[in-house]
Amino acid sequence: MTRDPIAYDHYLRGNHYLAQRTARAVRLAIAEYDSAAVRDSRFTEARARQAYGYALFLYYGVAL
């Protein structure tokens, strides 16, 4: 977890978008997770969720 409230806010926004499971929303989620990880490089949960977003693209066969 992170102690940076802005990074955590990006993480929560990413979770909101990822739950929608549309291509547009997953792209937004990946961007939010990236913003969270940039703010706190030790925020591994954000990178893990970002990887999950990329995996969803592969699973659904959506082009990035």
PDB file of N, CA and C in Angstrom:
ATOM      1  N   MET A   1       0.841  -1.178   0.000  1.00  0.00           N
ATOM      2  CA  MET A   1       0.000   0.000   0.000  1.00  0.00           C
ATOM      3  C   MET A   1       0.888   1.244   0.000  1.00  0.00           C
ATOM      4  N   THR A   2       0.282   2.359  -0.198  1.00  0.00           N
ATOM      5  CA  THR A   2       1.011   3.624  -0.256  1.00  0.00           C
ATOM      6  C   THR A   2       0.550   4.566   0.850  1.00  0.00           C
ATOM      7  N   ARG A   3       1.421   5.487   1.191  1.00  0.00           N
ATOM      8  CA  ARG A   3       1.057   6.533   2.152  1.00  0.00           C
ATOM      9  C   ARG A   3       0.747   7.847   1.432  1.00  0.00           C
ATOM     10  N   ASP A   4       0.920   7.850   0.117  1.00  0.00           N
ATOM     11  CA  ASP A   4       0.665   9.052  -0.681  1.00  0.00           C
ATOM     12  C   ASP A   4      -0.818   9.089  -1.046  1.00  0.00           C
ATOM     13  N   PRO A   5      -1.560  10.062  -0.536  1.00  0.00           N
ATOM     14  CA  PRO A   5      -3.001  10.095  -0.793  1.00  0.00           C
ATOM     15  C   PRO A   5      -3.353  10.320  -2.266  1.00  0.00           C
ATOM     16  N   ILE A   6      -2.510  11.038  -2.985  1.00  0.00           N
ATOM     17  CA  ILE A   6      -2.794  11.263  -4.406  1.00  0.00           C
ATOM     18  C   ILE A   6      -2.587   9.966  -5.189  1.00  0.00           C
ATOM     19  N   ALA A   7      -1.537   9.236  -4.875  1.00  0.00           N
ATOM     20  CA  ALA A   7      -1.304   7.943  -5.527  1.00  0.00           C
ATOM     21  C   ALA A   7      -2.455   6.989  -5.226  1.00  0.00           C
ATOM     22  N   TYR A   8      -2.912   6.997  -4.001  1.00  0.00           N
ATOM     23  CA  TYR A   8      -4.028   6.118  -3.635  1.00  0.00           C
ATOM     24  C   TYR A   8      -5.312   6.523  -4.356  1.00  0.00           C
ATOM     25  N   ASP A   9      -5.515   7.816  -4.549  1.00  0.00           N
ATOM     26  CA  ASP A   9      -6.682   8.286  -5.294  1.00  0.00           C
ATOM     27  C   ASP A   9      -6.630   7.779  -6.742  1.00  0.00           C
ATOM     28  N   HIS A  10      -5.463   7.844  -7.364  1.00  0.00           N
ATOM     29  CA  HIS A  10      -5.309   7.301  -8.720  1.00  0.00           C
ATOM     30  C   HIS A  10      -5.619   5.804  -8.731  1.00  0.00           C
ATOM     31  N   TYR A  11      -5.152   5.116  -7.725  1.00  0.00           N
ATOM     32  CA  TYR A  11      -5.399   3.671  -7.617  1.00  0.00           C
ATOM     33  C   TYR A  11      -6.901   3.379  -7.530  1.00  0.00           C
ATOM     34  N   LEU A  12      -7.604   4.122  -6.699  1.00  0.00           N
ATOM     35  CA  LEU A  12      -9.047   3.917  -6.557  1.00  0.00           C
ATOM     36  C   LEU A  12      -9.790   4.252  -7.840  1.00  0.00           C
ATOM     37  N   ARG A  13      -9.364   5.300  -8.526  1.00  0.00           N
ATOM     38  CA  ARG A  13      -9.979   5.640  -9.814  1.00  0.00           C
ATOM     39  C   ARG A  13      -9.747   4.509 -10.816  1.00  0.00           C
ATOM     40  N   GLY A  14      -8.541   3.961 -10.793  1.00  0.00           N
ATOM     41  CA  GLY A  14      -8.234   2.830 -11.666  1.00  0.00           C
ATOM     42  C   GLY A  14      -9.138   1.642 -11.378  1.00  0.00           C
ATOM     43  N   ASN A  15      -9.378   1.366 -10.103  1.00  0.00           N
ATOM     44  CA  ASN A  15     -10.278   0.268  -9.739  1.00  0.00           C
ATOM     45  C   ASN A  15     -11.689   0.517 -10.258  1.00  0.00           C
ATOM     46  N   HIS A  16     -12.131   1.761 -10.162  1.00  0.00           N
ATOM     47  CA  HIS A  16     -13.465   2.119 -10.663  1.00  0.00           C
ATOM     48  C   HIS A  16     -13.561   1.857 -12.159  1.00  0.00           C
ATOM     49  N   TYR A  17     -12.576   2.322 -12.907  1.00  0.00           N
ATOM     50  CA  TYR A  17     -12.596   2.117 -14.352  1.00  0.00           C
ATOM     51  C   TYR A  17     -12.471   0.643 -14.720  1.00  0.00           C
ATOM     52  N   LEU A  18     -11.586  -0.065 -14.048  1.00  0.00           N
ATOM     53  CA  LEU A  18     -11.356  -1.472 -14.384  1.00  0.00           C
ATOM     54  C   LEU A  18     -12.612  -2.314 -14.180  1.00  0.00           C
ATOM     55  N   ALA A  19     -13.409  -1.950 -13.205  1.00  0.00           N
ATOM     56  CA  ALA A  19     -14.636  -2.703 -12.923  1.00  0.00           C
ATOM     57  C   ALA A  19     -15.660  -2.580 -14.048  1.00  0.00           C
ATOM     58  N   GLN A  20     -15.533  -1.563 -14.884  1.00  0.00           N
ATOM     59  CA  GLN A  20     -16.487  -1.370 -15.976  1.00  0.00           C
ATOM     60  C   GLN A  20     -16.269  -2.344 -17.125  1.00  0.00           C
ATOM     61  N   ARG A  21     -15.070  -2.851 -17.273  1.00  0.00           N
ATOM     62  CA  ARG A  21     -14.730  -3.887 -18.258  1.00  0.00           C
ATOM     63  C   ARG A  21     -15.029  -3.504 -19.712  1.00  0.00           C
ATOM     64  N   THR A  22     -14.906  -2.235 -20.047  1.00  0.00           N
ATOM     65  CA  THR A  22     -14.979  -1.829 -21.448  1.00  0.00           C
ATOM     66  C   THR A  22     -13.565  -1.462 -21.882  1.00  0.00           C
ATOM     67  N   ALA A  23     -13.307  -1.499 -23.180  1.00  0.00           N
ATOM     68  CA  ALA A  23     -11.965  -1.186 -23.670  1.00  0.00           C
ATOM     69  C   ALA A  23     -11.544   0.221 -23.257  1.00  0.00           C
ATOM     70  N   ARG A  24     -12.452   1.176 -23.404  1.00  0.00           N
ATOM     71  CA  ARG A  24     -12.137   2.560 -23.027  1.00  0.00           C
ATOM     72  C   ARG A  24     -11.834   2.661 -21.531  1.00  0.00           C
ATOM     73  N   ALA A  25     -12.649   2.020 -20.718  1.00  0.00           N
ATOM     74  CA  ALA A  25     -12.467   2.098 -19.265  1.00  0.00           C
ATOM     75  C   ALA A  25     -11.177   1.409 -18.828  1.00  0.00           C
ATOM     76  N   VAL A  26     -10.833   0.294 -19.460  1.00  0.00           N
ATOM     77  CA  VAL A  26      -9.591  -0.394 -19.094  1.00  0.00           C
ATOM     78  C   VAL A  26      -8.387   0.458 -19.473  1.00  0.00           C
ATOM     79  N   ARG A  27      -8.451   1.147 -20.600  1.00  0.00           N
ATOM     80  CA  ARG A  27      -7.366   2.072 -20.969  1.00  0.00           C
ATOM     81  C   ARG A  27      -7.218   3.169 -19.912  1.00  0.00           C
ATOM     82  N   LEU A  28      -8.327   3.713 -19.470  1.00  0.00           N
ATOM     83  CA  LEU A  28      -8.284   4.745 -18.426  1.00  0.00           C
ATOM     84  C   LEU A  28      -7.725   4.177 -17.123  1.00  0.00           C
ATOM     85  N   ALA A  29      -8.125   2.956 -16.791  1.00  0.00           N
ATOM     86  CA  ALA A  29      -7.631   2.311 -15.569  1.00  0.00           C
ATOM     87  C   ALA A  29      -6.119   2.140 -15.623  1.00  0.00           C
ATOM     88  N   ILE A  30      -5.619   1.670 -16.749  1.00  0.00           N
ATOM     89  CA  ILE A  30      -4.175   1.480 -16.899  1.00  0.00           C
ATOM     90  C   ILE A  30      -3.449   2.802 -16.704  1.00  0.00           C
ATOM     91  N   ALA A  31      -3.982   3.872 -17.251  1.00  0.00           N
ATOM     92  CA  ALA A  31      -3.368   5.190 -17.088  1.00  0.00           C
ATOM     93  C   ALA A  31      -3.396   5.640 -15.628  1.00  0.00           C
ATOM     94  N   GLU A  32      -4.500   5.379 -14.940  1.00  0.00           N
ATOM     95  CA  GLU A  32      -4.590   5.760 -13.517  1.00  0.00           C
ATOM     96  C   GLU A  32      -3.596   4.963 -12.677  1.00  0.00           C
ATOM     97  N   TYR A  33      -3.484   3.672 -12.947  1.00  0.00           N
ATOM     98  CA  TYR A  33      -2.518   2.853 -12.200  1.00  0.00           C
ATOM     99  C   TYR A  33      -1.088   3.324 -12.463  1.00  0.00           C
ATOM    100  N   ASP A  34      -0.814   3.709 -13.704  1.00  0.00           N
ATOM    101  CA  ASP A  34       0.510   4.214 -14.024  1.00  0.00           C
ATOM    102  C   ASP A  34       0.785   5.507 -13.262  1.00  0.00           C
ATOM    103  N   SER A  35      -0.188   6.388 -13.200  1.00  0.00           N
ATOM    104  CA  SER A  35      -0.026   7.640 -12.449  1.00  0.00           C
ATOM    105  C   SER A  35       0.241   7.366 -10.974  1.00  0.00           C
ATOM    106  N   ALA A  36      -0.443   6.374 -10.431  1.00  0.00           N
ATOM    107  CA  ALA A  36      -0.230   6.014  -9.032  1.00  0.00           C
ATOM    108  C   ALA A  36       1.185   5.497  -8.806  1.00  0.00           C
ATOM    109  N   ALA A  37       1.654   4.642  -9.714  1.00  0.00           N
ATOM    110  CA  ALA A  37       2.986   4.063  -9.551  1.00  0.00           C
ATOM    111  C   ALA A  37       4.088   5.090  -9.786  1.00  0.00           C
ATOM    112  N   VAL A  38       3.834   6.070 -10.635  1.00  0.00           N
ATOM    113  CA  VAL A  38       4.819   7.132 -10.853  1.00  0.00           C
ATOM    114  C   VAL A  38       4.952   7.990  -9.591  1.00  0.00           C
ATOM    115  N   ARG A  39       3.841   8.262  -8.932  1.00  0.00           N
ATOM    116  CA  ARG A  39       3.884   9.065  -7.700  1.00  0.00           C
ATOM    117  C   ARG A  39       4.585   8.316  -6.567  1.00  0.00           C
ATOM    118  N   ASP A  40       4.384   6.989  -6.509  1.00  0.00           N
ATOM    119  CA  ASP A  40       5.010   6.175  -5.460  1.00  0.00           C
ATOM    120  C   ASP A  40       5.556   4.908  -6.116  1.00  0.00           C
ATOM    121  N   SER A  41       6.839   4.902  -6.368  1.00  0.00           N
ATOM    122  CA  SER A  41       7.455   3.783  -7.089  1.00  0.00           C
ATOM    123  C   SER A  41       7.396   2.461  -6.316  1.00  0.00           C
ATOM    124  N   ARG A  42       7.106   2.515  -5.029  1.00  0.00           N
ATOM    125  CA  ARG A  42       7.005   1.286  -4.227  1.00  0.00           C
ATOM    126  C   ARG A  42       5.568   0.773  -4.130  1.00  0.00           C
ATOM    127  N   PHE A  43       4.664   1.400  -4.831  1.00  0.00           N
ATOM    128  CA  PHE A  43       3.243   1.035  -4.804  1.00  0.00           C
ATOM    129  C   PHE A  43       3.023  -0.133  -5.776  1.00  0.00           C
ATOM    130  N   THR A  44       3.394  -1.313  -5.347  1.00  0.00           N
ATOM    131  CA  THR A  44       3.364  -2.482  -6.233  1.00  0.00           C
ATOM    132  C   THR A  44       1.944  -2.914  -6.588  1.00  0.00           C
ATOM    133  N   GLU A  45       0.986  -2.632  -5.739  1.00  0.00           N
ATOM    134  CA  GLU A  45      -0.397  -2.994  -6.043  1.00  0.00           C
ATOM    135  C   GLU A  45      -0.875  -2.287  -7.314  1.00  0.00           C
ATOM    136  N   ALA A  46      -0.441  -1.052  -7.491  1.00  0.00           N
ATOM    137  CA  ALA A  46      -0.829  -0.303  -8.685  1.00  0.00           C
ATOM    138  C   ALA A  46      -0.250  -0.959  -9.932  1.00  0.00           C
ATOM    139  N   ARG A  47       1.014  -1.366  -9.878  1.00  0.00           N
ATOM    140  CA  ARG A  47       1.617  -2.043 -11.036  1.00  0.00           C
ATOM    141  C   ARG A  47       0.958  -3.400 -11.292  1.00  0.00           C
ATOM    142  N   ALA A  48       0.590  -4.096 -10.236  1.00  0.00           N
ATOM    143  CA  ALA A  48      -0.074  -5.382 -10.405  1.00  0.00           C
ATOM    144  C   ALA A  48      -1.436  -5.223 -11.073  1.00  0.00           C
ATOM    145  N   ARG A  49      -2.197  -4.227 -10.661  1.00  0.00           N
ATOM    146  CA  ARG A  49      -3.509  -3.986 -11.277  1.00  0.00           C
ATOM    147  C   ARG A  49      -3.344  -3.503 -12.717  1.00  0.00           C
ATOM    148  N   GLN A  50      -2.294  -2.746 -12.974  1.00  0.00           N
ATOM    149  CA  GLN A  50      -2.021  -2.310 -14.339  1.00  0.00           C
ATOM    150  C   GLN A  50      -1.749  -3.531 -15.224  1.00  0.00           C
ATOM    151  N   ALA A  51      -0.977  -4.458 -14.723  1.00  0.00           N
ATOM    152  CA  ALA A  51      -0.701  -5.683 -15.474  1.00  0.00           C
ATOM    153  C   ALA A  51      -1.989  -6.474 -15.710  1.00  0.00           C
ATOM    154  N   TYR A  52      -2.872  -6.486 -14.735  1.00  0.00           N
ATOM    155  CA  TYR A  52      -4.161  -7.159 -14.891  1.00  0.00           C
ATOM    156  C   TYR A  52      -4.973  -6.500 -16.005  1.00  0.00           C
ATOM    157  N   GLY A  53      -4.914  -5.179 -16.095  1.00  0.00           N
ATOM    158  CA  GLY A  53      -5.604  -4.471 -17.169  1.00  0.00           C
ATOM    159  C   GLY A  53      -5.067  -4.893 -18.531  1.00  0.00           C
ATOM    160  N   TYR A  54      -3.754  -4.989 -18.653  1.00  0.00           N
ATOM    161  CA  TYR A  54      -3.168  -5.456 -19.910  1.00  0.00           C
ATOM    162  C   TYR A  54      -3.584  -6.898 -20.203  1.00  0.00           C
ATOM    163  N   ALA A  55      -3.666  -7.712 -19.171  1.00  0.00           N
ATOM    164  CA  ALA A  55      -4.096  -9.104 -19.353  1.00  0.00           C
ATOM    165  C   ALA A  55      -5.533  -9.174 -19.857  1.00  0.00           C
ATOM    166  N   LEU A  56      -6.385  -8.270 -19.394  1.00  0.00           N
ATOM    167  CA  LEU A  56      -7.758  -8.233 -19.890  1.00  0.00           C
ATOM    168  C   LEU A  56      -7.794  -7.941 -21.386  1.00  0.00           C
ATOM    169  N   PHE A  57      -6.934  -7.039 -21.845  1.00  0.00           N
ATOM    170  CA  PHE A  57      -6.868  -6.769 -23.279  1.00  0.00           C
ATOM    171  C   PHE A  57      -6.487  -8.032 -24.053  1.00  0.00           C
ATOM    172  N   LEU A  58      -5.530  -8.776 -23.538  1.00  0.00           N
ATOM    173  CA  LEU A  58      -5.131 -10.012 -24.195  1.00  0.00           C
ATOM    174  C   LEU A  58      -6.259 -11.033 -24.170  1.00  0.00           C
ATOM    175  N   TYR A  59      -6.916 -11.153 -23.047  1.00  0.00           N
ATOM    176  CA  TYR A  59      -7.997 -12.123 -22.892  1.00  0.00           C
ATOM    177  C   TYR A  59      -9.156 -11.823 -23.846  1.00  0.00           C
ATOM    178  N   TYR A  60      -9.523 -10.555 -23.938  1.00  0.00           N
ATOM    179  CA  TYR A  60     -10.639 -10.169 -24.799  1.00  0.00           C
ATOM    180  C   TYR A  60     -10.215  -9.950 -26.240  1.00  0.00           C
ATOM    181  N   GLY A  61      -8.922 -10.003 -26.522  1.00  0.00           N
ATOM    182  CA  GLY A  61      -8.440  -9.814 -27.883  1.00  0.00           C
ATOM    183  C   GLY A  61      -8.601  -8.408 -28.389  1.00  0.00           C
ATOM    184  N   VAL A  62      -8.485  -7.445 -27.499  1.00  0.00           N
ATOM    185  CA  VAL A  62      -8.614  -6.034 -27.868  1.00  0.00           C
ATOM    186  C   VAL A  62      -7.238  -5.484 -28.158  1.00  0.00           C
ATOM    187  N   ALA A  63      -7.121  -4.736 -29.251  1.00  0.00           N
ATOM    188  CA  ALA A  63      -5.848  -4.096 -29.590  1.00  0.00           C
ATOM    189  C   ALA A  63      -5.637  -2.873 -28.714  1.00  0.00           C
ATOM    190  N   LEU A  64      -4.408  -2.693 -28.303  1.00  0.00           N
ATOM    191  CA  LEU A  64      -4.086  -1.514 -27.506  1.00  0.00           C
ATOM    192  C   LEU A  64      -3.995  -0.351 -28.437  1.00  0.00           C
TER     193      LEU A  64
END
